[in-house]
């Protein structure tokens, strides 16, 4: 037998999770920001790792907050966010190519043809690299359906 306080507690937990997801933006968010607070322009530099943005330099794009290291990075992003925002809203690009909606790790990425692709882990990036153009084409083709799916954790 389930007691009313237990039912209320479970209901409140479900509602709060639903509300927090509904209030998030279009991109995968970690700690309330896209790319876990990493500057999207830092992915396009020779450095092997992305750099965290500053709390005072943010730009909201498609209801997701992006942070930047410099005002110049913010201006560049704001002038063409489609160029610098992660593809497939920051979900694992290999997962999307396989018809899955898997959150990505913002530290596991690859730039291809000037676009940022994120991956759940290095194994997903390795599998994706076996057929980059084919995986990009499959992911692009399937994205309209994948975006409707529930998020799948590895």
C-alpha atoms as a PDB file:
ATOM      1  CA  UNK A   1       0.000   0.000   0.000  1.00  0.00           C
ATOM      2  CA  UNK A   2       1.361   3.400  -0.977  1.00  0.00           C
ATOM      3  CA  UNK A   3       0.688   6.203   1.451  1.00  0.00           C
ATOM      4  CA  UNK A   4      -0.415   9.651   0.312  1.00  0.00           C
ATOM      5  CA  UNK A   5       2.785  11.397   1.476  1.00  0.00           C
ATOM      6  CA  UNK A   6       4.822   8.986  -0.679  1.00  0.00           C
ATOM      7  CA  UNK A   7       2.598   9.611  -3.704  1.00  0.00           C
ATOM      8  CA  UNK A   8       2.885  13.377  -3.163  1.00  0.00           C
ATOM      9  CA  UNK A   9       6.666  13.145  -2.884  1.00  0.00           C
ATOM     10  CA  UNK A  10       6.955  11.113  -6.082  1.00  0.00           C
ATOM     11  CA  UNK A  11       4.585  13.469  -7.910  1.00  0.00           C
ATOM     12  CA  UNK A  12       6.529  16.528  -6.767  1.00  0.00           C
ATOM     13  CA  UNK A  13       9.811  14.967  -7.922  1.00  0.00           C
ATOM     14  CA  UNK A  14       8.385  14.168 -11.359  1.00  0.00           C
ATOM     15  CA  UNK A  15       6.927  17.656 -11.749  1.00  0.00           C
ATOM     16  CA  UNK A  16      10.165  19.368 -10.734  1.00  0.00           C
ATOM     17  CA  UNK A  17      12.195  17.287 -13.194  1.00  0.00           C
ATOM     18  CA  UNK A  18       9.713  18.026 -15.961  1.00  0.00           C
ATOM     19  CA  UNK A  19       9.720  21.743 -15.154  1.00  0.00           C
ATOM     20  CA  UNK A  20      13.517  22.000 -15.168  1.00  0.00           C
ATOM     21  CA  UNK A  21      13.722  20.227 -18.519  1.00  0.00           C
ATOM     22  CA  UNK A  22      11.006  22.411 -20.003  1.00  0.00           C
ATOM     23  CA  UNK A  23      12.803  25.573 -18.922  1.00  0.00           C
ATOM     24  CA  UNK A  24      16.104  24.555 -20.496  1.00  0.00           C
ATOM     25  CA  UNK A  25      17.060  25.797 -23.940  1.00  0.00           C
ATOM     26  CA  UNK A  26      17.370  23.902 -27.185  1.00  0.00           C
ATOM     27  CA  UNK A  27      20.965  22.812 -26.588  1.00  0.00           C
ATOM     28  CA  UNK A  28      22.156  20.148 -24.161  1.00  0.00           C
ATOM     29  CA  UNK A  29      22.856  22.016 -20.948  1.00  0.00           C
ATOM     30  CA  UNK A  30      25.249  21.155 -18.154  1.00  0.00           C
ATOM     31  CA  UNK A  31      25.100  23.258 -14.990  1.00  0.00           C
ATOM     32  CA  UNK A  32      22.612  25.627 -16.628  1.00  0.00           C
ATOM     33  CA  UNK A  33      24.677  26.452 -19.688  1.00  0.00           C
ATOM     34  CA  UNK A  34      25.375  25.075 -23.133  1.00  0.00           C
ATOM     35  CA  UNK A  35      28.727  23.318 -23.543  1.00  0.00           C
ATOM     36  CA  UNK A  36      29.114  23.165 -19.749  1.00  0.00           C
ATOM     37  CA  UNK A  37      30.211  26.799 -19.822  1.00  0.00           C
ATOM     38  CA  UNK A  38      32.987  26.291 -22.369  1.00  0.00           C
ATOM     39  CA  UNK A  39      33.511  29.104 -24.862  1.00  0.00           C
ATOM     40  CA  UNK A  40      32.228  27.785 -28.229  1.00  0.00           C
ATOM     41  CA  UNK A  41      34.956  29.705 -30.088  1.00  0.00           C
ATOM     42  CA  UNK A  42      37.656  27.964 -28.035  1.00  0.00           C
ATOM     43  CA  UNK A  43      36.850  24.719 -29.861  1.00  0.00           C
ATOM     44  CA  UNK A  44      38.034  26.351 -33.081  1.00  0.00           C
ATOM     45  CA  UNK A  45      41.543  27.150 -31.809  1.00  0.00           C
ATOM     46  CA  UNK A  46      44.664  24.954 -31.993  1.00  0.00           C
ATOM     47  CA  UNK A  47      44.356  24.121 -28.274  1.00  0.00           C
ATOM     48  CA  UNK A  48      43.391  20.461 -27.718  1.00  0.00           C
ATOM     49  CA  UNK A  49      40.905  21.398 -24.978  1.00  0.00           C
ATOM     50  CA  UNK A  50      38.019  23.869 -24.836  1.00  0.00           C
ATOM     51  CA  UNK A  51      38.363  26.854 -22.483  1.00  0.00           C
ATOM     52  CA  UNK A  52      35.771  27.944 -19.939  1.00  0.00           C
ATOM     53  CA  UNK A  53      33.978  31.196 -20.642  1.00  0.00           C
ATOM     54  CA  UNK A  54      33.641  34.051 -18.159  1.00  0.00           C
ATOM     55  CA  UNK A  55      30.448  34.434 -16.147  1.00  0.00           C
ATOM     56  CA  UNK A  56      30.065  38.066 -17.251  1.00  0.00           C
ATOM     57  CA  UNK A  57      30.311  37.277 -20.972  1.00  0.00           C
ATOM     58  CA  UNK A  58      27.261  35.348 -22.064  1.00  0.00           C
ATOM     59  CA  UNK A  59      24.943  35.210 -25.041  1.00  0.00           C
ATOM     60  CA  UNK A  60      21.589  33.463 -25.213  1.00  0.00           C
ATOM     61  CA  UNK A  61      20.923  31.575 -28.411  1.00  0.00           C
ATOM     62  CA  UNK A  62      17.784  29.463 -28.879  1.00  0.00           C
ATOM     63  CA  UNK A  63      17.070  29.843 -25.151  1.00  0.00           C
ATOM     64  CA  UNK A  64      20.456  28.352 -24.188  1.00  0.00           C
ATOM     65  CA  UNK A  65      23.163  30.389 -22.512  1.00  0.00           C
ATOM     66  CA  UNK A  66      26.679  30.282 -23.994  1.00  0.00           C
ATOM     67  CA  UNK A  67      29.707  31.747 -22.177  1.00  0.00           C
ATOM     68  CA  UNK A  68      32.776  33.381 -23.734  1.00  0.00           C
ATOM     69  CA  UNK A  69      36.380  34.013 -22.804  1.00  0.00           C
ATOM     70  CA  UNK A  70      36.618  37.379 -24.556  1.00  0.00           C
ATOM     71  CA  UNK A  71      34.218  40.054 -25.840  1.00  0.00           C
ATOM     72  CA  UNK A  72      35.584  39.336 -29.333  1.00  0.00           C
ATOM     73  CA  UNK A  73      34.542  35.690 -29.081  1.00  0.00           C
ATOM     74  CA  UNK A  74      31.065  36.760 -27.960  1.00  0.00           C
ATOM     75  CA  UNK A  75      30.717  39.179 -30.912  1.00  0.00           C
ATOM     76  CA  UNK A  76      31.933  36.548 -33.387  1.00  0.00           C
ATOM     77  CA  UNK A  77      29.474  33.977 -32.065  1.00  0.00           C
ATOM     78  CA  UNK A  78      26.594  36.472 -31.995  1.00  0.00           C
ATOM     79  CA  UNK A  79      27.243  37.401 -35.627  1.00  0.00           C
ATOM     80  CA  UNK A  80      26.878  33.770 -36.785  1.00  0.00           C
ATOM     81  CA  UNK A  81      25.781  31.362 -34.024  1.00  0.00           C
ATOM     82  CA  UNK A  82      24.868  28.589 -36.488  1.00  0.00           C
ATOM     83  CA  UNK A  83      28.546  28.411 -37.464  1.00  0.00           C
ATOM     84  CA  UNK A  84      29.869  27.932 -33.905  1.00  0.00           C
ATOM     85  CA  UNK A  85      27.088  26.242 -31.939  1.00  0.00           C
ATOM     86  CA  UNK A  86      27.407  22.467 -31.622  1.00  0.00           C
ATOM     87  CA  UNK A  87      25.687  20.423 -34.293  1.00  0.00           C
ATOM     88  CA  UNK A  88      22.636  18.370 -33.310  1.00  0.00           C
ATOM     89  CA  UNK A  89      22.081  20.712 -30.335  1.00  0.00           C
ATOM     90  CA  UNK A  90      25.076  19.221 -28.546  1.00  0.00           C
ATOM     91  CA  UNK A  91      23.949  15.598 -28.585  1.00  0.00           C
ATOM     92  CA  UNK A  92      26.395  12.833 -29.453  1.00  0.00           C
ATOM     93  CA  UNK A  93      26.887  13.079 -33.234  1.00  0.00           C
ATOM     94  CA  UNK A  94      27.643   9.367 -33.570  1.00  0.00           C
ATOM     95  CA  UNK A  95      24.526   8.502 -31.552  1.00  0.00           C
ATOM     96  CA  UNK A  96      22.411  10.700 -33.806  1.00  0.00           C
ATOM     97  CA  UNK A  97      23.865   8.932 -36.860  1.00  0.00           C
ATOM     98  CA  UNK A  98      22.686   5.682 -35.267  1.00  0.00           C
ATOM     99  CA  UNK A  99      19.194   7.065 -34.585  1.00  0.00           C
ATOM    100  CA  UNK A 100      19.820   7.679 -30.865  1.00  0.00           C
ATOM    101  CA  UNK A 101      19.547  10.796 -28.694  1.00  0.00           C
ATOM    102  CA  UNK A 102      22.517  10.553 -26.325  1.00  0.00           C
ATOM    103  CA  UNK A 103      23.946  13.466 -24.307  1.00  0.00           C
ATOM    104  CA  UNK A 104      27.503  14.346 -25.294  1.00  0.00           C
ATOM    105  CA  UNK A 105      30.529  15.152 -23.201  1.00  0.00           C
ATOM    106  CA  UNK A 106      31.525  18.719 -24.188  1.00  0.00           C
ATOM    107  CA  UNK A 107      35.205  17.778 -23.804  1.00  0.00           C
ATOM    108  CA  UNK A 108      35.003  15.088 -26.514  1.00  0.00           C
ATOM    109  CA  UNK A 109      34.677  16.832 -29.870  1.00  0.00           C
ATOM    110  CA  UNK A 110      35.826  17.160 -33.451  1.00  0.00           C
ATOM    111  CA  UNK A 111      35.703  20.077 -35.889  1.00  0.00           C
ATOM    112  CA  UNK A 112      34.779  18.977 -39.419  1.00  0.00           C
ATOM    113  CA  UNK A 113      34.272  21.400 -42.288  1.00  0.00           C
ATOM    114  CA  UNK A 114      34.108  24.281 -39.807  1.00  0.00           C
ATOM    115  CA  UNK A 115      31.365  22.677 -37.674  1.00  0.00           C
ATOM    116  CA  UNK A 116      31.533  21.495 -34.052  1.00  0.00           C
ATOM    117  CA  UNK A 117      30.496  17.898 -33.342  1.00  0.00           C
ATOM    118  CA  UNK A 118      30.336  16.512 -29.800  1.00  0.00           C
ATOM    119  CA  UNK A 119      30.444  12.890 -28.631  1.00  0.00           C
ATOM    120  CA  UNK A 120      29.445  10.903 -25.558  1.00  0.00           C
ATOM    121  CA  UNK A 121      32.971   9.485 -25.204  1.00  0.00           C
ATOM    122  CA  UNK A 122      36.151   8.782 -27.143  1.00  0.00           C
ATOM    123  CA  UNK A 123      34.785   5.426 -28.352  1.00  0.00           C
ATOM    124  CA  UNK A 124      31.816   7.168 -30.014  1.00  0.00           C
ATOM    125  CA  UNK A 125      34.190   9.680 -31.635  1.00  0.00           C
ATOM    126  CA  UNK A 126      36.412   6.814 -32.858  1.00  0.00           C
ATOM    127  CA  UNK A 127      33.421   4.969 -34.377  1.00  0.00           C
ATOM    128  CA  UNK A 128      32.163   8.171 -35.991  1.00  0.00           C
ATOM    129  CA  UNK A 129      35.610   8.823 -37.500  1.00  0.00           C
ATOM    130  CA  UNK A 130      35.454   5.542 -39.448  1.00  0.00           C
ATOM    131  CA  UNK A 131      32.994   7.183 -41.879  1.00  0.00           C
ATOM    132  CA  UNK A 132      32.788  10.896 -41.096  1.00  0.00           C
ATOM    133  CA  UNK A 133      30.934  12.008 -44.219  1.00  0.00           C
ATOM    134  CA  UNK A 134      28.527   9.052 -44.087  1.00  0.00           C
ATOM    135  CA  UNK A 135      27.835   9.610 -40.395  1.00  0.00           C
ATOM    136  CA  UNK A 136      27.272  13.338 -40.921  1.00  0.00           C
ATOM    137  CA  UNK A 137      24.854  12.549 -43.758  1.00  0.00           C
ATOM    138  CA  UNK A 138      22.986   9.895 -41.729  1.00  0.00           C
ATOM    139  CA  UNK A 139      22.805  12.115 -38.648  1.00  0.00           C
ATOM    140  CA  UNK A 140      21.557  15.068 -40.683  1.00  0.00           C
ATOM    141  CA  UNK A 141      18.940  12.896 -42.363  1.00  0.00           C
ATOM    142  CA  UNK A 142      17.729  11.378 -39.083  1.00  0.00           C
ATOM    143  CA  UNK A 143      17.907  14.488 -36.883  1.00  0.00           C
ATOM    144  CA  UNK A 144      14.266  15.549 -37.380  1.00  0.00           C
ATOM    145  CA  UNK A 145      13.144  12.212 -35.892  1.00  0.00           C
ATOM    146  CA  UNK A 146      15.939  11.794 -33.324  1.00  0.00           C
ATOM    147  CA  UNK A 147      15.239  15.196 -31.758  1.00  0.00           C
ATOM    148  CA  UNK A 148      11.748  13.942 -30.818  1.00  0.00           C
ATOM    149  CA  UNK A 149      13.118  10.924 -28.923  1.00  0.00           C
ATOM    150  CA  UNK A 150      13.589  10.669 -25.194  1.00  0.00           C
ATOM    151  CA  UNK A 151      17.186  11.151 -24.071  1.00  0.00           C
ATOM    152  CA  UNK A 152      19.063   7.892 -23.790  1.00  0.00           C
ATOM    153  CA  UNK A 153      21.902   7.571 -21.302  1.00  0.00           C
ATOM    154  CA  UNK A 154      24.692   5.206 -22.227  1.00  0.00           C
END
